[in-house]
C-alpha cells in the first residue's frame, strides 16, 4: 500500500453505517396500535429513519403503529412506524412525510451540535 490503509465496510461500526444521523436523546413517543391502544414510550436514540425506545407495553416485531413524537421545542411529529426489533430495546423504522422528516433531521442535528459544544474543543 502507498501509505494508505484500505478500510473495509466490516471495520466501520454499525452506528456509522446508518443512513441517518442518530442522537442519544429522550423524547416522549406515543404509539397507537391497530386496536387503538396507546403505548407510551421514551426514545433512547432518535433519527429521521427511526428510533430505539424503552416502551411501557409489549410490542411485537412486524407491527405497524401510528406514532407521535413531542419534541422539546414544541414540535409534534406524527407518522407511522414498523416495529423492526422487539424486546429489551425496541427498534422502530419510521414512515414519515418529507416535512416531518426534515423537522426530525433538524432536531437531531441540533442535539448533536449541543452535545459537541458541551464536550468543548478537541485538543
PDB file of N, CA and C in Angstrom:
ATOM      1  N   UNK A   1       0.841  -1.195   0.000  1.00  0.00           N
ATOM      2  CA  UNK A   1       0.000   0.000   0.000  1.00  0.00           C
ATOM      3  C   UNK A   1       0.875   1.242   0.000  1.00  0.00           C
ATOM      4  N   UNK A   2       0.342   2.318  -0.482  1.00  0.00           N
ATOM      5  CA  UNK A   2       1.113   3.556  -0.613  1.00  0.00           C
ATOM      6  C   UNK A   2       0.889   4.485   0.574  1.00  0.00           C
ATOM      7  N   UNK A   3       1.068   3.987   1.786  1.00  0.00           N
ATOM      8  CA  UNK A   3       0.884   4.824   2.960  1.00  0.00           C
ATOM      9  C   UNK A   3      -0.568   4.963   3.398  1.00  0.00           C
ATOM     10  N   UNK A   4      -1.474   4.439   2.637  1.00  0.00           N
ATOM     11  CA  UNK A   4      -2.893   4.482   2.994  1.00  0.00           C
ATOM     12  C   UNK A   4      -3.365   3.072   3.276  1.00  0.00           C
ATOM     13  N   UNK A   5      -4.234   2.967   4.243  1.00  0.00           N
ATOM     14  CA  UNK A   5      -4.818   1.669   4.544  1.00  0.00           C
ATOM     15  C   UNK A   5      -6.227   1.624   4.007  1.00  0.00           C
ATOM     16  N   UNK A   6      -6.597   0.508   3.456  1.00  0.00           N
ATOM     17  CA  UNK A   6      -7.970   0.330   2.989  1.00  0.00           C
ATOM     18  C   UNK A   6      -8.840  -0.001   4.190  1.00  0.00           C
ATOM     19  N   UNK A   7      -9.995   0.621   4.243  1.00  0.00           N
ATOM     20  CA  UNK A   7     -10.936   0.345   5.319  1.00  0.00           C
ATOM     21  C   UNK A   7     -12.111  -0.390   4.711  1.00  0.00           C
ATOM     22  N   UNK A   8     -12.357  -1.575   5.213  1.00  0.00           N
ATOM     23  CA  UNK A   8     -13.497  -2.337   4.714  1.00  0.00           C
ATOM     24  C   UNK A   8     -14.746  -1.923   5.462  1.00  0.00           C
ATOM     25  N   UNK A   9     -15.884  -2.135   4.826  1.00  0.00           N
ATOM     26  CA  UNK A   9     -17.151  -1.797   5.457  1.00  0.00           C
ATOM     27  C   UNK A   9     -17.329  -2.567   6.760  1.00  0.00           C
ATOM     28  N   UNK A  10     -16.804  -3.764   6.835  1.00  0.00           N
ATOM     29  CA  UNK A  10     -16.928  -4.565   8.053  1.00  0.00           C
ATOM     30  C   UNK A  10     -16.212  -3.906   9.232  1.00  0.00           C
ATOM     31  N   UNK A  11     -15.210  -3.063   8.946  1.00  0.00           N
ATOM     32  CA  UNK A  11     -14.462  -2.402  10.015  1.00  0.00           C
ATOM     33  C   UNK A  11     -15.160  -1.157  10.537  1.00  0.00           C
ATOM     34  N   UNK A  12     -16.186  -0.698   9.843  1.00  0.00           N
ATOM     35  CA  UNK A  12     -16.899   0.501  10.261  1.00  0.00           C
ATOM     36  C   UNK A  12     -17.988   0.105  11.237  1.00  0.00           C
ATOM     37  N   UNK A  13     -18.034   0.744  12.419  1.00  0.00           N
ATOM     38  CA  UNK A  13     -19.069   0.393  13.399  1.00  0.00           C
ATOM     39  C   UNK A  13     -20.468   0.569  12.812  1.00  0.00           C
ATOM     40  N   UNK A  14     -21.404  -0.274  13.267  1.00  0.00           N
ATOM     41  CA  UNK A  14     -22.781  -0.210  12.786  1.00  0.00           C
ATOM     42  C   UNK A  14     -23.363   1.186  12.895  1.00  0.00           C
ATOM     43  N   UNK A  15     -23.064   1.902  13.962  1.00  0.00           N
ATOM     44  CA  UNK A  15     -23.625   3.230  14.173  1.00  0.00           C
ATOM     45  C   UNK A  15     -23.241   4.182  13.042  1.00  0.00           C
ATOM     46  N   UNK A  16     -22.114   3.941  12.383  1.00  0.00           N
ATOM     47  CA  UNK A  16     -21.667   4.817  11.315  1.00  0.00           C
ATOM     48  C   UNK A  16     -22.192   4.392   9.943  1.00  0.00           C
ATOM     49  N   UNK A  17     -22.800   3.214   9.843  1.00  0.00           N
ATOM     50  CA  UNK A  17     -23.299   2.730   8.569  1.00  0.00           C
ATOM     51  C   UNK A  17     -24.750   3.098   8.323  1.00  0.00           C
ATOM     52  N   UNK A  18     -25.375   3.769   9.221  1.00  0.00           N
ATOM     53  CA  UNK A  18     -26.784   4.115   9.082  1.00  0.00           C
ATOM     54  C   UNK A  18     -26.962   5.223   8.055  1.00  0.00           C
ATOM     55  N   UNK A  19     -28.162   5.285   7.493  1.00  0.00           N
ATOM     56  CA  UNK A  19     -28.473   6.328   6.523  1.00  0.00           C
ATOM     57  C   UNK A  19     -28.707   7.676   7.185  1.00  0.00           C
ATOM     58  N   UNK A  20     -29.088   7.665   8.450  1.00  0.00           N
ATOM     59  CA  UNK A  20     -29.435   8.899   9.165  1.00  0.00           C
ATOM     60  C   UNK A  20     -28.608   9.039  10.429  1.00  0.00           C
ATOM     61  N   UNK A  21     -28.235  10.286  10.728  1.00  0.00           N
ATOM     62  CA  UNK A  21     -27.514  10.579  11.968  1.00  0.00           C
ATOM     63  C   UNK A  21     -28.453  10.333  13.139  1.00  0.00           C
ATOM     64  N   UNK A  22     -27.922   9.705  14.180  1.00  0.00           N
ATOM     65  CA  UNK A  22     -28.712   9.428  15.385  1.00  0.00           C
ATOM     66  C   UNK A  22     -28.195  10.256  16.537  1.00  0.00           C
ATOM     67  N   UNK A  23     -29.139  10.634  17.401  1.00  0.00           N
ATOM     68  CA  UNK A  23     -28.783  11.334  18.637  1.00  0.00           C
ATOM     69  C   UNK A  23     -29.320  10.528  19.806  1.00  0.00           C
ATOM     70  N   UNK A  24     -28.505  10.414  20.843  1.00  0.00           N
ATOM     71  CA  UNK A  24     -28.977   9.786  22.072  1.00  0.00           C
ATOM     72  C   UNK A  24     -29.777  10.843  22.823  1.00  0.00           C
ATOM     73  N   UNK A  25     -31.101  10.746  22.718  1.00  0.00           N
ATOM     74  CA  UNK A  25     -31.962  11.764  23.302  1.00  0.00           C
ATOM     75  C   UNK A  25     -33.273  11.111  23.742  1.00  0.00           C
ATOM     76  N   UNK A  26     -33.772  11.552  24.891  1.00  0.00           N
ATOM     77  CA  UNK A  26     -35.033  11.033  25.431  1.00  0.00           C
ATOM     78  C   UNK A  26     -36.166  11.955  25.002  1.00  0.00           C
ATOM     79  N   UNK A  27     -37.044  11.429  24.167  1.00  0.00           N
ATOM     80  CA  UNK A  27     -38.200  12.174  23.680  1.00  0.00           C
ATOM     81  C   UNK A  27     -39.433  11.306  23.907  1.00  0.00           C
ATOM     82  N   UNK A  28     -40.502  11.867  24.479  1.00  0.00           N
ATOM     83  CA  UNK A  28     -41.734  11.081  24.640  1.00  0.00           C
ATOM     84  C   UNK A  28     -42.312  10.708  23.280  1.00  0.00           C
ATOM     85  N   UNK A  29     -42.785   9.471  23.176  1.00  0.00           N
ATOM     86  CA  UNK A  29     -43.392   8.994  21.941  1.00  0.00           C
ATOM     87  C   UNK A  29     -44.641   8.191  22.290  1.00  0.00           C
ATOM     88  N   UNK A  30     -45.724   8.476  21.597  1.00  0.00           N
ATOM     89  CA  UNK A  30     -46.968   7.715  21.770  1.00  0.00           C
ATOM     90  C   UNK A  30     -47.122   6.810  20.560  1.00  0.00           C
ATOM     91  N   UNK A  31     -47.407   5.546  20.823  1.00  0.00           N
ATOM     92  CA  UNK A  31     -47.545   4.534  19.782  1.00  0.00           C
ATOM     93  C   UNK A  31     -48.967   3.985  19.830  1.00  0.00           C
ATOM     94  N   UNK A  32     -49.687   4.076  18.741  1.00  0.00           N
ATOM     95  CA  UNK A  32     -51.065   3.585  18.697  1.00  0.00           C
ATOM     96  C   UNK A  32     -51.122   2.363  17.790  1.00  0.00           C
ATOM     97  N   UNK A  33     -51.630   1.260  18.333  1.00  0.00           N
ATOM     98  CA  UNK A  33     -51.689   0.031  17.542  1.00  0.00           C
ATOM     99  C   UNK A  33     -53.010  -0.085  16.781  1.00  0.00           C
ATOM    100  N   UNK A  34     -53.178  -1.200  16.084  1.00  0.00           N
ATOM    101  CA  UNK A  34     -54.358  -1.396  15.240  1.00  0.00           C
ATOM    102  C   UNK A  34     -55.655  -1.518  16.039  1.00  0.00           C
ATOM    103  N   UNK A  35     -55.574  -1.805  17.324  1.00  0.00           N
ATOM    104  CA  UNK A  35     -56.762  -1.845  18.191  1.00  0.00           C
ATOM    105  C   UNK A  35     -56.989  -0.506  18.907  1.00  0.00           C
ATOM    106  N   UNK A  36     -56.266   0.522  18.461  1.00  0.00           N
ATOM    107  CA  UNK A  36     -56.369   1.872  19.030  1.00  0.00           C
ATOM    108  C   UNK A  36     -55.877   1.957  20.477  1.00  0.00           C
ATOM    109  N   UNK A  37     -55.066   0.994  20.902  1.00  0.00           N
ATOM    110  CA  UNK A  37     -54.430   1.071  22.216  1.00  0.00           C
ATOM    111  C   UNK A  37     -53.190   1.950  22.090  1.00  0.00           C
ATOM    112  N   UNK A  38     -53.017   2.838  23.043  1.00  0.00           N
ATOM    113  CA  UNK A  38     -51.878   3.748  23.028  1.00  0.00           C
ATOM    114  C   UNK A  38     -50.831   3.235  24.016  1.00  0.00           C
ATOM    115  N   UNK A  39     -49.612   3.091  23.531  1.00  0.00           N
ATOM    116  CA  UNK A  39     -48.463   2.709  24.349  1.00  0.00           C
ATOM    117  C   UNK A  39     -47.568   3.932  24.457  1.00  0.00           C
ATOM    118  N   UNK A  40     -47.166   4.261  25.666  1.00  0.00           N
ATOM    119  CA  UNK A  40     -46.274   5.400  25.865  1.00  0.00           C
ATOM    120  C   UNK A  40     -44.854   4.893  26.035  1.00  0.00           C
ATOM    121  N   UNK A  41     -43.930   5.607  25.443  1.00  0.00           N
ATOM    122  CA  UNK A  41     -42.530   5.198  25.485  1.00  0.00           C
ATOM    123  C   UNK A  41     -41.651   6.441  25.480  1.00  0.00           C
ATOM    124  N   UNK A  42     -40.355   6.203  25.598  1.00  0.00           N
ATOM    125  CA  UNK A  42     -39.348   7.264  25.530  1.00  0.00           C
ATOM    126  C   UNK A  42     -38.253   6.771  24.602  1.00  0.00           C
ATOM    127  N   UNK A  43     -37.773   7.662  23.734  1.00  0.00           N
ATOM    128  CA  UNK A  43     -36.684   7.270  22.847  1.00  0.00           C
ATOM    129  C   UNK A  43     -35.382   7.156  23.634  1.00  0.00           C
ATOM    130  N   UNK A  44     -34.564   6.193  23.233  1.00  0.00           N
ATOM    131  CA  UNK A  44     -33.205   6.065  23.750  1.00  0.00           C
ATOM    132  C   UNK A  44     -32.238   6.706  22.763  1.00  0.00           C
ATOM    133  N   UNK A  45     -32.544   6.527  21.476  1.00  0.00           N
ATOM    134  CA  UNK A  45     -31.865   7.258  20.416  1.00  0.00           C
ATOM    135  C   UNK A  45     -32.875   7.521  19.312  1.00  0.00           C
ATOM    136  N   UNK A  46     -32.564   8.516  18.481  1.00  0.00           N
ATOM    137  CA  UNK A  46     -33.550   9.009  17.530  1.00  0.00           C
ATOM    138  C   UNK A  46     -32.863   9.484  16.263  1.00  0.00           C
ATOM    139  N   UNK A  47     -33.474   9.179  15.114  1.00  0.00           N
ATOM    140  CA  UNK A  47     -33.029   9.700  13.830  1.00  0.00           C
ATOM    141  C   UNK A  47     -34.257   9.907  12.959  1.00  0.00           C
ATOM    142  N   UNK A  48     -34.061  10.485  11.778  1.00  0.00           N
ATOM    143  CA  UNK A  48     -35.175  10.675  10.852  1.00  0.00           C
ATOM    144  C   UNK A  48     -35.689   9.336  10.334  1.00  0.00           C
ATOM    145  N   UNK A  49     -34.871   8.295  10.437  1.00  0.00           N
ATOM    146  CA  UNK A  49     -35.266   6.982   9.943  1.00  0.00           C
ATOM    147  C   UNK A  49     -35.886   6.068  10.970  1.00  0.00           C
ATOM    148  N   UNK A  50     -35.736   6.398  12.251  1.00  0.00           N
ATOM    149  CA  UNK A  50     -36.291   5.521  13.269  1.00  0.00           C
ATOM    150  C   UNK A  50     -35.781   5.858  14.654  1.00  0.00           C
ATOM    151  N   UNK A  51     -36.076   4.961  15.577  1.00  0.00           N
ATOM    152  CA  UNK A  51     -35.682   5.185  16.967  1.00  0.00           C
ATOM    153  C   UNK A  51     -35.550   3.860  17.684  1.00  0.00           C
ATOM    154  N   UNK A  52     -34.766   3.884  18.742  1.00  0.00           N
ATOM    155  CA  UNK A  52     -34.764   2.806  19.716  1.00  0.00           C
ATOM    156  C   UNK A  52     -35.504   3.358  20.917  1.00  0.00           C
ATOM    157  N   UNK A  53     -36.446   2.572  21.449  1.00  0.00           N
ATOM    158  CA  UNK A  53     -37.294   3.071  22.525  1.00  0.00           C
ATOM    159  C   UNK A  53     -37.305   2.133  23.719  1.00  0.00           C
ATOM    160  N   UNK A  54     -37.646   2.702  24.861  1.00  0.00           N
ATOM    161  CA  UNK A  54     -37.979   1.935  26.060  1.00  0.00           C
ATOM    162  C   UNK A  54     -39.492   2.088  26.195  1.00  0.00           C
ATOM    163  N   UNK A  55     -40.220   0.993  26.045  1.00  0.00           N
ATOM    164  CA  UNK A  55     -41.679   1.050  25.994  1.00  0.00           C
ATOM    165  C   UNK A  55     -42.306   0.544  27.273  1.00  0.00           C
ATOM    166  N   UNK A  56     -43.487   1.085  27.584  1.00  0.00           N
ATOM    167  CA  UNK A  56     -44.219   0.656  28.773  1.00  0.00           C
ATOM    168  C   UNK A  56     -45.044  -0.602  28.504  1.00  0.00           C
ATOM    169  N   UNK A  57     -45.186  -0.972  27.248  1.00  0.00           N
ATOM    170  CA  UNK A  57     -46.005  -2.133  26.914  1.00  0.00           C
ATOM    171  C   UNK A  57     -45.297  -3.054  25.955  1.00  0.00           C
ATOM    172  N   UNK A  58     -45.786  -4.287  25.856  1.00  0.00           N
ATOM    173  CA  UNK A  58     -45.152  -5.246  24.952  1.00  0.00           C
ATOM    174  C   UNK A  58     -45.494  -4.925  23.495  1.00  0.00           C
ATOM    175  N   UNK A  59     -44.486  -4.863  22.668  1.00  0.00           N
ATOM    176  CA  UNK A  59     -44.666  -4.671  21.237  1.00  0.00           C
ATOM    177  C   UNK A  59     -44.012  -5.850  20.529  1.00  0.00           C
ATOM    178  N   UNK A  60     -44.556  -6.236  19.393  1.00  0.00           N
ATOM    179  CA  UNK A  60     -44.009  -7.363  18.658  1.00  0.00           C
ATOM    180  C   UNK A  60     -43.487  -6.918  17.300  1.00  0.00           C
ATOM    181  N   UNK A  61     -42.435  -7.579  16.855  1.00  0.00           N
ATOM    182  CA  UNK A  61     -41.842  -7.267  15.556  1.00  0.00           C
ATOM    183  C   UNK A  61     -42.876  -7.441  14.456  1.00  0.00           C
ATOM    184  N   UNK A  62     -42.758  -6.585  13.454  1.00  0.00           N
ATOM    185  CA  UNK A  62     -43.640  -6.671  12.303  1.00  0.00           C
ATOM    186  C   UNK A  62     -44.908  -5.836  12.408  1.00  0.00           C
ATOM    187  N   UNK A  63     -45.178  -5.283  13.575  1.00  0.00           N
ATOM    188  CA  UNK A  63     -46.387  -4.460  13.734  1.00  0.00           C
ATOM    189  C   UNK A  63     -46.197  -3.086  13.135  1.00  0.00           C
ATOM    190  N   UNK A  64     -47.278  -2.559  12.601  1.00  0.00           N
ATOM    191  CA  UNK A  64     -47.308  -1.183  12.076  1.00  0.00           C
ATOM    192  C   UNK A  64     -48.064  -0.342  13.093  1.00  0.00           C
ATOM    193  N   UNK A  65     -47.472   0.788  13.499  1.00  0.00           N
ATOM    194  CA  UNK A  65     -48.048   1.644  14.524  1.00  0.00           C
ATOM    195  C   UNK A  65     -48.136   3.075  14.033  1.00  0.00           C
ATOM    196  N   UNK A  66     -49.085   3.811  14.554  1.00  0.00           N
ATOM    197  CA  UNK A  66     -49.082   5.264  14.381  1.00  0.00           C
ATOM    198  C   UNK A  66     -48.214   5.822  15.508  1.00  0.00           C
ATOM    199  N   UNK A  67     -47.403   6.827  15.185  1.00  0.00           N
ATOM    200  CA  UNK A  67     -46.500   7.396  16.183  1.00  0.00           C
ATOM    201  C   UNK A  67     -46.678   8.901  16.263  1.00  0.00           C
ATOM    202  N   UNK A  68     -46.513   9.412  17.474  1.00  0.00           N
ATOM    203  CA  UNK A  68     -46.491  10.857  17.695  1.00  0.00           C
ATOM    204  C   UNK A  68     -45.327  11.143  18.639  1.00  0.00           C
ATOM    205  N   UNK A  69     -44.391  11.959  18.154  1.00  0.00           N
ATOM    206  CA  UNK A  69     -43.235  12.393  18.948  1.00  0.00           C
ATOM    207  C   UNK A  69     -43.459  13.842  19.361  1.00  0.00           C
ATOM    208  N   UNK A  70     -43.248  14.131  20.633  1.00  0.00           N
ATOM    209  CA  UNK A  70     -43.354  15.501  21.134  1.00  0.00           C
ATOM    210  C   UNK A  70     -41.951  16.011  21.433  1.00  0.00           C
ATOM    211  N   UNK A  71     -41.391  16.772  20.498  1.00  0.00           N
ATOM    212  CA  UNK A  71     -40.032  17.278  20.651  1.00  0.00           C
ATOM    213  C   UNK A  71     -39.988  18.386  21.697  1.00  0.00           C
ATOM    214  N   UNK A  72     -38.849  18.547  22.376  1.00  0.00           N
ATOM    215  CA  UNK A  72     -38.727  19.556  23.435  1.00  0.00           C
ATOM    216  C   UNK A  72     -38.971  20.994  22.967  1.00  0.00           C
ATOM    217  N   UNK A  73     -38.792  21.256  21.669  1.00  0.00           N
ATOM    218  CA  UNK A  73     -39.013  22.618  21.176  1.00  0.00           C
ATOM    219  C   UNK A  73     -40.484  22.898  20.871  1.00  0.00           C
ATOM    220  N   UNK A  74     -41.363  21.938  21.186  1.00  0.00           N
ATOM    221  CA  UNK A  74     -42.797  22.121  20.966  1.00  0.00           C
ATOM    222  C   UNK A  74     -43.303  21.543  19.659  1.00  0.00           C
ATOM    223  N   UNK A  75     -42.405  21.078  18.806  1.00  0.00           N
ATOM    224  CA  UNK A  75     -42.790  20.469  17.536  1.00  0.00           C
ATOM    225  C   UNK A  75     -43.382  19.085  17.787  1.00  0.00           C
ATOM    226  N   UNK A  76     -44.464  18.780  17.101  1.00  0.00           N
ATOM    227  CA  UNK A  76     -45.063  17.443  17.152  1.00  0.00           C
ATOM    228  C   UNK A  76     -44.851  16.779  15.796  1.00  0.00           C
ATOM    229  N   UNK A  77     -44.279  15.589  15.830  1.00  0.00           N
ATOM    230  CA  UNK A  77     -44.038  14.797  14.619  1.00  0.00           C
ATOM    231  C   UNK A  77     -44.996  13.611  14.659  1.00  0.00           C
ATOM    232  N   UNK A  78     -45.787  13.446  13.596  1.00  0.00           N
ATOM    233  CA  UNK A  78     -46.730  12.332  13.522  1.00  0.00           C
ATOM    234  C   UNK A  78     -46.488  11.554  12.237  1.00  0.00           C
ATOM    235  N   UNK A  79     -46.650  10.255  12.319  1.00  0.00           N
ATOM    236  CA  UNK A  79     -46.476   9.400  11.150  1.00  0.00           C
ATOM    237  C   UNK A  79     -46.749   7.967  11.536  1.00  0.00           C
ATOM    238  N   UNK A  80     -46.104   7.064  10.829  1.00  0.00           N
ATOM    239  CA  UNK A  80     -46.233   5.641  11.120  1.00  0.00           C
ATOM    240  C   UNK A  80     -44.856   5.052  11.322  1.00  0.00           C
ATOM    241  N   UNK A  81     -44.823   3.869  11.935  1.00  0.00           N
ATOM    242  CA  UNK A  81     -43.559   3.182  12.163  1.00  0.00           C
ATOM    243  C   UNK A  81     -43.795   1.680  12.166  1.00  0.00           C
ATOM    244  N   UNK A  82     -42.790   0.956  11.739  1.00  0.00           N
ATOM    245  CA  UNK A  82     -42.786  -0.503  11.827  1.00  0.00           C
ATOM    246  C   UNK A  82     -41.891  -0.902  12.985  1.00  0.00           C
ATOM    247  N   UNK A  83     -42.342  -1.875  13.770  1.00  0.00           N
ATOM    248  CA  UNK A  83     -41.506  -2.435  14.836  1.00  0.00           C
ATOM    249  C   UNK A  83     -40.567  -3.427  14.162  1.00  0.00           C
ATOM    250  N   UNK A  84     -39.278  -3.121  14.162  1.00  0.00           N
ATOM    251  CA  UNK A  84     -38.313  -3.994  13.498  1.00  0.00           C
ATOM    252  C   UNK A  84     -37.552  -4.881  14.485  1.00  0.00           C
ATOM    253  N   UNK A  85     -37.584  -4.524  15.760  1.00  0.00           N
ATOM    254  CA  UNK A  85     -36.983  -5.371  16.797  1.00  0.00           C
ATOM    255  C   UNK A  85     -37.752  -5.127  18.078  1.00  0.00           C
ATOM    256  N   UNK A  86     -38.182  -6.192  18.695  1.00  0.00           N
ATOM    257  CA  UNK A  86     -38.914  -6.085  19.959  1.00  0.00           C
ATOM    258  C   UNK A  86     -38.086  -6.738  21.059  1.00  0.00           C
ATOM    259  N   UNK A  87     -38.396  -6.378  22.269  1.00  0.00           N
ATOM    260  CA  UNK A  87     -37.663  -6.953  23.394  1.00  0.00           C
ATOM    261  C   UNK A  87     -37.186  -5.851  24.293  1.00  0.00           C
ATOM    262  N   UNK A  88     -35.986  -6.035  24.881  1.00  0.00           N
ATOM    263  CA  UNK A  88     -35.434  -5.058  25.808  1.00  0.00           C
ATOM    264  C   UNK A  88     -35.464  -3.650  25.261  1.00  0.00           C
ATOM    265  N   UNK A  89     -34.744  -3.417  24.193  1.00  0.00           N
ATOM    266  CA  UNK A  89     -34.781  -2.133  23.494  1.00  0.00           C
ATOM    267  C   UNK A  89     -35.508  -2.372  22.178  1.00  0.00           C
ATOM    268  N   UNK A  90     -36.644  -1.740  22.018  1.00  0.00           N
ATOM    269  CA  UNK A  90     -37.461  -1.919  20.828  1.00  0.00           C
ATOM    270  C   UNK A  90     -37.007  -0.936  19.754  1.00  0.00           C
ATOM    271  N   UNK A  91     -36.866  -1.429  18.516  1.00  0.00           N
ATOM    272  CA  UNK A  91     -36.427  -0.574  17.402  1.00  0.00           C
ATOM    273  C   UNK A  91     -37.597  -0.319  16.462  1.00  0.00           C
ATOM    274  N   UNK A  92     -37.739   0.950  16.064  1.00  0.00           N
ATOM    275  CA  UNK A  92     -38.781   1.366  15.135  1.00  0.00           C
ATOM    276  C   UNK A  92     -38.149   1.925  13.870  1.00  0.00           C
ATOM    277  N   UNK A  93     -38.790   1.669  12.730  1.00  0.00           N
ATOM    278  CA  UNK A  93     -38.415   2.307  11.468  1.00  0.00           C
ATOM    279  C   UNK A  93     -39.565   3.216  11.067  1.00  0.00           C
ATOM    280  N   UNK A  94     -39.273   4.510  10.961  1.00  0.00           N
ATOM    281  CA  UNK A  94     -40.319   5.488  10.685  1.00  0.00           C
ATOM    282  C   UNK A  94     -40.719   5.526   9.220  1.00  0.00           C
ATOM    283  N   UNK A  95     -41.983   5.866   8.998  1.00  0.00           N
ATOM    284  CA  UNK A  95     -42.527   6.192   7.680  1.00  0.00           C
ATOM    285  C   UNK A  95     -43.180   7.560   7.855  1.00  0.00           C
ATOM    286  N   UNK A  96     -42.415   8.610   7.544  1.00  0.00           N
ATOM    287  CA  UNK A  96     -42.857   9.985   7.790  1.00  0.00           C
ATOM    288  C   UNK A  96     -42.953  10.748   6.481  1.00  0.00           C
ATOM    289  N   UNK A  97     -43.795  11.772   6.468  1.00  0.00           N
ATOM    290  CA  UNK A  97     -43.848  12.621   5.283  1.00  0.00           C
ATOM    291  C   UNK A  97     -42.575  13.472   5.238  1.00  0.00           C
ATOM    292  N   UNK A  98     -42.236  14.035   4.074  1.00  0.00           N
ATOM    293  CA  UNK A  98     -40.972  14.771   3.936  1.00  0.00           C
ATOM    294  C   UNK A  98     -40.812  15.937   4.920  1.00  0.00           C
ATOM    295  N   UNK A  99     -41.881  16.669   5.215  1.00  0.00           N
ATOM    296  CA  UNK A  99     -41.778  17.781   6.163  1.00  0.00           C
ATOM    297  C   UNK A  99     -41.429  17.266   7.562  1.00  0.00           C
ATOM    298  N   UNK A 100     -42.083  16.204   8.002  1.00  0.00           N
ATOM    299  CA  UNK A 100     -41.791  15.628   9.316  1.00  0.00           C
ATOM    300  C   UNK A 100     -40.360  15.114   9.371  1.00  0.00           C
ATOM    301  N   UNK A 101     -39.898  14.481   8.290  1.00  0.00           N
ATOM    302  CA  UNK A 101     -38.514  14.007   8.243  1.00  0.00           C
ATOM    303  C   UNK A 101     -37.542  15.172   8.380  1.00  0.00           C
ATOM    304  N   UNK A 102     -37.801  16.253   7.653  1.00  0.00           N
ATOM    305  CA  UNK A 102     -36.922  17.426   7.715  1.00  0.00           C
ATOM    306  C   UNK A 102     -36.890  18.011   9.127  1.00  0.00           C
ATOM    307  N   UNK A 103     -38.049  18.095   9.778  1.00  0.00           N
ATOM    308  CA  UNK A 103     -38.091  18.615  11.149  1.00  0.00           C
ATOM    309  C   UNK A 103     -37.284  17.726  12.088  1.00  0.00           C
ATOM    310  N   UNK A 104     -37.386  16.421  11.896  1.00  0.00           N
ATOM    311  CA  UNK A 104     -36.651  15.489  12.747  1.00  0.00           C
ATOM    312  C   UNK A 104     -35.150  15.572  12.487  1.00  0.00           C
ATOM    313  N   UNK A 105     -34.760  15.713  11.233  1.00  0.00           N
ATOM    314  CA  UNK A 105     -33.337  15.871  10.896  1.00  0.00           C
ATOM    315  C   UNK A 105     -32.777  17.119  11.575  1.00  0.00           C
ATOM    316  N   UNK A 106     -33.506  18.225  11.499  1.00  0.00           N
ATOM    317  CA  UNK A 106     -33.048  19.466  12.130  1.00  0.00           C
ATOM    318  C   UNK A 106     -32.903  19.290  13.645  1.00  0.00           C
ATOM    319  N   UNK A 107     -33.859  18.614  14.252  1.00  0.00           N
ATOM    320  CA  UNK A 107     -33.808  18.385  15.695  1.00  0.00           C
ATOM    321  C   UNK A 107     -32.594  17.540  16.075  1.00  0.00           C
ATOM    322  N   UNK A 108     -32.370  16.454  15.345  1.00  0.00           N
ATOM    323  CA  UNK A 108     -31.251  15.556  15.655  1.00  0.00           C
ATOM    324  C   UNK A 108     -29.919  16.291  15.497  1.00  0.00           C
ATOM    325  N   UNK A 109     -29.773  17.069  14.417  1.00  0.00           N
ATOM    326  CA  UNK A 109     -28.529  17.820  14.243  1.00  0.00           C
ATOM    327  C   UNK A 109     -28.348  18.853  15.344  1.00  0.00           C
ATOM    328  N   UNK A 110     -29.421  19.482  15.783  1.00  0.00           N
ATOM    329  CA  UNK A 110     -29.328  20.442  16.893  1.00  0.00           C
ATOM    330  C   UNK A 110     -28.862  19.733  18.166  1.00  0.00           C
ATOM    331  N   UNK A 111     -29.374  18.541  18.406  1.00  0.00           N
ATOM    332  CA  UNK A 111     -28.936  17.758  19.579  1.00  0.00           C
ATOM    333  C   UNK A 111     -27.453  17.431  19.493  1.00  0.00           C
ATOM    334  N   UNK A 112     -27.002  17.031  18.316  1.00  0.00           N
ATOM    335  CA  UNK A 112     -25.593  16.674  18.139  1.00  0.00           C
ATOM    336  C   UNK A 112     -24.688  17.907  18.261  1.00  0.00           C
ATOM    337  N   UNK A 113     -25.134  19.056  17.741  1.00  0.00           N
ATOM    338  CA  UNK A 113     -24.356  20.294  17.896  1.00  0.00           C
ATOM    339  C   UNK A 113     -24.218  20.645  19.378  1.00  0.00           C
ATOM    340  N   UNK A 114     -25.312  20.554  20.103  1.00  0.00           N
ATOM    341  CA  UNK A 114     -25.293  20.868  21.533  1.00  0.00           C
ATOM    342  C   UNK A 114     -24.356  19.930  22.281  1.00  0.00           C
ATOM    343  N   UNK A 115     -24.403  18.649  21.933  1.00  0.00           N
ATOM    344  CA  UNK A 115     -23.524  17.672  22.579  1.00  0.00           C
ATOM    345  C   UNK A 115     -22.061  17.991  22.289  1.00  0.00           C
ATOM    346  N   UNK A 116     -21.750  18.366  21.047  1.00  0.00           N
ATOM    347  CA  UNK A 116     -20.372  18.707  20.677  1.00  0.00           C
ATOM    348  C   UNK A 116     -19.902  19.943  21.422  1.00  0.00           C
ATOM    349  N   UNK A 117     -20.779  20.925  21.597  1.00  0.00           N
ATOM    350  CA  UNK A 117     -20.401  22.145  22.323  1.00  0.00           C
ATOM    351  C   UNK A 117     -20.134  21.851  23.795  1.00  0.00           C
ATOM    352  N   UNK A 118     -20.898  20.915  24.379  1.00  0.00           N
ATOM    353  CA  UNK A 118     -20.673  20.555  25.782  1.00  0.00           C
ATOM    354  C   UNK A 118     -19.328  19.888  25.969  1.00  0.00           C
ATOM    355  N   UNK A 119     -18.899  19.125  24.950  1.00  0.00           N
ATOM    356  CA  UNK A 119     -17.592  18.448  25.038  1.00  0.00           C
ATOM    357  C   UNK A 119     -16.443  19.428  24.929  1.00  0.00           C
ATOM    358  N   UNK A 120     -16.652  20.542  24.251  1.00  0.00           N
ATOM    359  CA  UNK A 120     -15.599  21.535  24.089  1.00  0.00           C
ATOM    360  C   UNK A 120     -14.693  21.208  22.935  1.00  0.00           C
ATOM    361  N   UNK A 121     -13.712  22.079  22.696  1.00  0.00           N
ATOM    362  CA  UNK A 121     -12.789  21.892  21.555  1.00  0.00           C
ATOM    363  C   UNK A 121     -11.900  20.680  21.763  1.00  0.00           C
ATOM    364  N   UNK A 122     -11.542  20.063  20.658  1.00  0.00           N
ATOM    365  CA  UNK A 122     -10.624  18.918  20.683  1.00  0.00           C
ATOM    366  C   UNK A 122      -9.216  19.464  20.787  1.00  0.00           C
ATOM    367  N   UNK A 123      -8.449  18.903  21.734  1.00  0.00           N
ATOM    368  CA  UNK A 123      -7.059  19.376  21.912  1.00  0.00           C
ATOM    369  C   UNK A 123      -6.073  18.356  21.451  1.00  0.00           C
TER     370      UNK A 123
END
